[in-house]
Amino acid sequence: MTTTLSQISSLRPATVVTGSRAESTEPPILQSLSQAVQHAVRWVDDAALRRVAPQNAGPGFEPRTLLAVMTYCYAREIYSSIDIEEMLRRDQPFRNLCQNEFPGARVFRKFRRENRDVLQSCLYQVLQWLLAGTPAQGPTVISDEDIALATSRRMSAATFVDSMEQLD
């Protein structure tokens, strides 16, 4: 199976949502993993994100973009920063969005280190949606503890896989 990021390529790096969650009494109806990622990332406060690339780096290096890409990949159980880099290299819509300047494995590793709590929080929210089941399947009862454990395992797996890979 080939994984592409074309569905999340529409996420703009500097997305800012005004208002608060409290204004909406109904949770959004999310139809896809990419929508769940966009929803989770959209609510992150810009001040919570640490930049890992120079200000003049392209849109693919923006913290919100890196957060979306890594959350999506970890939700899909793609943990290797090298694999994520290769996936971006092959994804034409993402390459177009980033004007063929996109992050490499080192940037992903650094982003995970510098933004671990935010990444873990977004992944938790996405896994909440992912593990809840689709409307056609009916809701699945998953405890918060199970979701937290799945989140922690995926974050640990990414760290472990990267520690085993040799970077140039």
Foldseek 3Di string as FASTA:
>chain_A
DADADLLLLPDFLPQEDDDDPVVDPDDDDDDDLSSLLSVLLRRDDLVLADQPDDPPQFRQRRRSNLLSLQLSCLLVVNQQQQVSQVNCVPHVSNCVSRVNGHDGSVSSVVRCVRNVVSSLSSNLSSVVVVQQDDVVVPGDDDDSVNSNVSSVVSSVVNVVNHVPDDDD
